[in-house]
N, C-alpha and C. Protein backbone atom coordinates (compact mmCIF):
# COMPACT_ATOMS: atom_id res chain seq x y z
N MET A 1 20.93 -4.30 13.24
CA MET A 1 21.46 -4.20 12.24
C MET A 1 23.00 -3.59 12.87
N ALA A 2 23.97 -3.43 12.10
CA ALA A 2 25.04 -3.04 12.84
C ALA A 2 24.88 -1.51 12.44
N GLY A 3 25.99 -0.99 13.49
CA GLY A 3 25.66 0.40 14.31
C GLY A 3 24.69 1.05 15.17
N GLU A 4 23.84 0.09 15.07
CA GLU A 4 22.71 0.64 15.63
C GLU A 4 22.62 -0.07 17.23
N GLN A 5 22.23 1.74 17.89
CA GLN A 5 22.38 1.30 19.39
C GLN A 5 21.25 0.71 20.18
N GLN A 6 21.48 0.07 21.11
CA GLN A 6 20.11 -0.41 22.07
C GLN A 6 19.16 0.16 22.62
N GLN A 7 17.77 0.37 22.72
CA GLN A 7 17.34 1.53 23.30
C GLN A 7 17.02 0.99 24.94
N ARG A 8 16.96 2.08 26.10
CA ARG A 8 16.62 1.69 27.23
C ARG A 8 16.01 2.83 27.86
N PRO A 9 15.21 2.39 28.57
CA PRO A 9 14.32 3.94 29.40
C PRO A 9 15.47 4.33 30.23
N HIS A 10 14.97 5.65 30.34
CA HIS A 10 15.94 6.36 31.08
C HIS A 10 14.99 7.54 32.23
N GLU A 11 15.47 6.55 33.46
CA GLU A 11 14.07 7.35 34.09
C GLU A 11 15.11 8.34 35.62
N THR A 12 14.34 9.70 35.61
CA THR A 12 15.51 9.95 36.84
C THR A 12 14.09 10.64 38.01
N ILE A 13 14.18 10.74 39.39
CA ILE A 13 12.92 11.65 39.64
C ILE A 13 13.13 12.75 39.91
N ALA A 14 12.11 13.52 39.23
CA ALA A 14 12.09 14.89 38.64
C ALA A 14 12.03 15.91 39.98
N PRO A 15 12.22 16.99 40.72
CA PRO A 15 11.92 17.66 41.61
C PRO A 15 11.12 18.25 41.23
N HIS A 16 10.15 18.93 41.96
CA HIS A 16 9.14 19.76 42.22
C HIS A 16 9.06 21.15 41.37
N ALA A 17 9.25 21.13 40.44
CA ALA A 17 9.61 22.28 40.16
C ALA A 17 8.18 22.80 39.40
N GLY A 18 7.24 23.23 39.85
CA GLY A 18 6.23 23.90 38.94
C GLY A 18 4.98 23.02 38.49
N HIS A 19 5.73 21.62 38.74
CA HIS A 19 4.64 20.46 38.11
C HIS A 19 4.04 19.85 39.39
N GLU A 20 2.37 19.31 38.66
CA GLU A 20 1.19 18.80 39.62
C GLU A 20 1.55 17.78 40.05
N GLN A 21 1.14 17.68 41.22
CA GLN A 21 1.61 16.02 42.02
C GLN A 21 0.77 15.18 41.14
N GLN A 22 1.46 14.15 41.00
CA GLN A 22 1.29 12.81 39.99
C GLN A 22 0.78 11.81 41.45
N VAL A 23 -0.49 11.18 41.00
CA VAL A 23 -1.16 10.28 41.32
C VAL A 23 -0.90 9.13 40.52
N CYS A 24 -1.20 7.68 41.88
CA CYS A 24 -1.31 6.17 40.94
C CYS A 24 -2.61 6.42 39.90
N PRO A 25 -2.67 5.89 39.07
CA PRO A 25 -3.96 5.36 38.30
C PRO A 25 -4.85 4.40 39.05
N ALA A 26 -4.28 3.01 40.10
CA ALA A 26 -5.18 2.33 40.11
C ALA A 26 -5.86 2.86 41.66
N CYS A 27 -4.83 3.65 42.28
CA CYS A 27 -5.60 3.77 44.19
C CYS A 27 -5.52 5.45 43.82
N GLY A 28 -5.09 6.40 43.04
CA GLY A 28 -5.10 7.15 43.61
C GLY A 28 -4.42 8.07 44.66
N SER A 29 -3.25 6.97 45.31
CA SER A 29 -2.47 8.01 46.40
C SER A 29 -1.22 8.71 45.50
N PRO A 30 -0.83 9.70 46.39
CA PRO A 30 0.37 10.27 45.73
C PRO A 30 1.80 9.38 45.44
N VAL A 31 2.34 9.62 44.26
CA VAL A 31 3.29 9.03 43.39
C VAL A 31 4.78 9.84 43.12
N GLU A 32 5.60 10.00 43.04
CA GLU A 32 6.72 10.67 42.94
C GLU A 32 6.67 10.93 41.35
N THR A 33 6.80 12.03 40.43
CA THR A 33 7.09 12.41 39.34
C THR A 33 8.67 11.86 38.50
N VAL A 34 8.44 11.26 38.02
CA VAL A 34 9.76 10.70 37.27
C VAL A 34 9.55 11.71 35.56
N LEU A 35 10.82 11.74 35.58
CA LEU A 35 11.30 12.35 34.44
C LEU A 35 11.79 10.84 33.12
N ARG A 36 11.29 11.23 32.42
CA ARG A 36 11.65 10.33 31.26
C ARG A 36 12.09 11.19 30.19
N ARG A 37 12.59 10.30 29.26
CA ARG A 37 13.32 10.92 27.79
C ARG A 37 12.77 9.86 26.40
N ARG A 38 12.07 10.83 25.55
CA ARG A 38 12.08 9.89 24.39
C ARG A 38 13.34 10.43 22.91
N LYS A 39 13.58 9.97 22.18
CA LYS A 39 14.05 10.33 21.14
C LYS A 39 13.24 10.60 19.73
N SER A 40 13.40 12.07 19.56
CA SER A 40 12.65 12.58 18.18
C SER A 40 13.27 13.26 17.80
N LEU A 41 13.52 12.93 16.08
CA LEU A 41 14.50 14.03 15.30
C LEU A 41 15.84 14.04 15.93
N GLY A 42 16.25 12.52 16.45
CA GLY A 42 17.96 13.32 16.82
C GLY A 42 17.77 14.18 18.44
N ILE A 43 16.98 14.29 18.94
CA ILE A 43 17.21 14.82 20.33
C ILE A 43 16.37 14.39 21.10
N PHE A 44 16.51 14.43 22.45
CA PHE A 44 15.72 13.92 23.34
C PHE A 44 14.99 15.05 24.32
N ILE A 45 13.73 14.38 23.91
CA ILE A 45 12.45 15.20 24.61
C ILE A 45 12.17 14.65 25.93
N PRO A 46 12.32 15.70 27.21
CA PRO A 46 11.66 15.67 27.94
C PRO A 46 10.34 15.27 28.65
N GLU A 47 9.70 14.27 29.01
CA GLU A 47 8.49 13.93 30.10
C GLU A 47 8.27 13.63 31.12
N TRP A 48 7.62 14.19 31.69
CA TRP A 48 6.92 13.83 33.23
C TRP A 48 5.99 13.20 33.43
N ALA A 49 5.92 12.24 34.21
CA ALA A 49 5.02 10.75 34.09
C ALA A 49 5.03 10.33 35.61
N PRO A 50 4.11 10.12 36.10
CA PRO A 50 3.63 9.17 37.26
C PRO A 50 4.67 8.18 37.16
N GLY A 51 5.37 8.05 38.55
CA GLY A 51 6.21 6.91 39.05
C GLY A 51 5.76 5.76 39.07
N PRO A 52 6.27 4.59 39.94
CA PRO A 52 5.95 3.50 40.89
C PRO A 52 5.42 4.21 41.64
N CYS A 53 3.68 2.75 42.30
CA CYS A 53 3.18 3.42 43.27
C CYS A 53 3.67 2.29 44.53
N ARG A 54 4.27 2.85 45.42
CA ARG A 54 4.42 2.56 46.66
C ARG A 54 3.46 2.43 47.75
N ASN A 55 2.33 2.05 47.51
CA ASN A 55 1.31 1.67 48.79
C ASN A 55 1.53 0.27 48.69
N PRO A 56 1.57 -0.41 49.70
CA PRO A 56 1.83 -2.34 49.58
C PRO A 56 -0.29 -2.41 49.62
N GLU A 57 -0.89 -1.82 49.35
CA GLU A 57 -2.42 -2.40 49.48
C GLU A 57 -2.85 -2.00 47.75
N CYS A 58 -1.70 -1.69 47.01
CA CYS A 58 -2.50 -0.65 45.79
C CYS A 58 -2.20 -2.30 44.80
N ALA A 59 -3.05 -2.57 43.72
CA ALA A 59 -2.93 -3.80 42.84
C ALA A 59 -1.52 -3.80 42.03
N VAL A 60 -0.93 -2.52 41.68
CA VAL A 60 0.47 -1.84 40.86
C VAL A 60 1.16 -1.86 41.92
N TYR A 61 1.31 -2.07 43.07
CA TYR A 61 2.23 -1.57 43.69
C TYR A 61 3.78 -2.43 43.53
N VAL A 62 4.53 -1.57 43.29
CA VAL A 62 6.21 -1.80 43.08
C VAL A 62 7.08 -1.54 44.30
N ALA A 63 7.87 -2.66 44.77
CA ALA A 63 8.90 -2.38 45.59
C ALA A 63 9.70 -1.64 45.55
N LEU A 64 10.74 -1.35 46.61
CA LEU A 64 11.72 -0.32 46.59
C LEU A 64 13.04 -1.07 46.46
N GLU A 65 13.94 -0.88 45.01
CA GLU A 65 14.67 -1.72 45.29
C GLU A 65 16.02 -1.47 45.56
N GLY A 66 16.64 -2.32 46.34
CA GLY A 66 17.63 -1.92 46.88
C GLY A 66 17.87 -2.84 48.30
């Protein structure tokens, strides 16, 4: 539609500010906490979620970019 913006995921690594350590759902190893945002009623709501798993032996392993 005209004037509609394409949504894309926004993620940043969240600092450890009182949030519990996130773990990989597949292997249980610790992962970074990622701050995502979603839009609700015209404002962005922060959501803390587990980041990608960096354990090379894990089934859901994601290699570092760069």
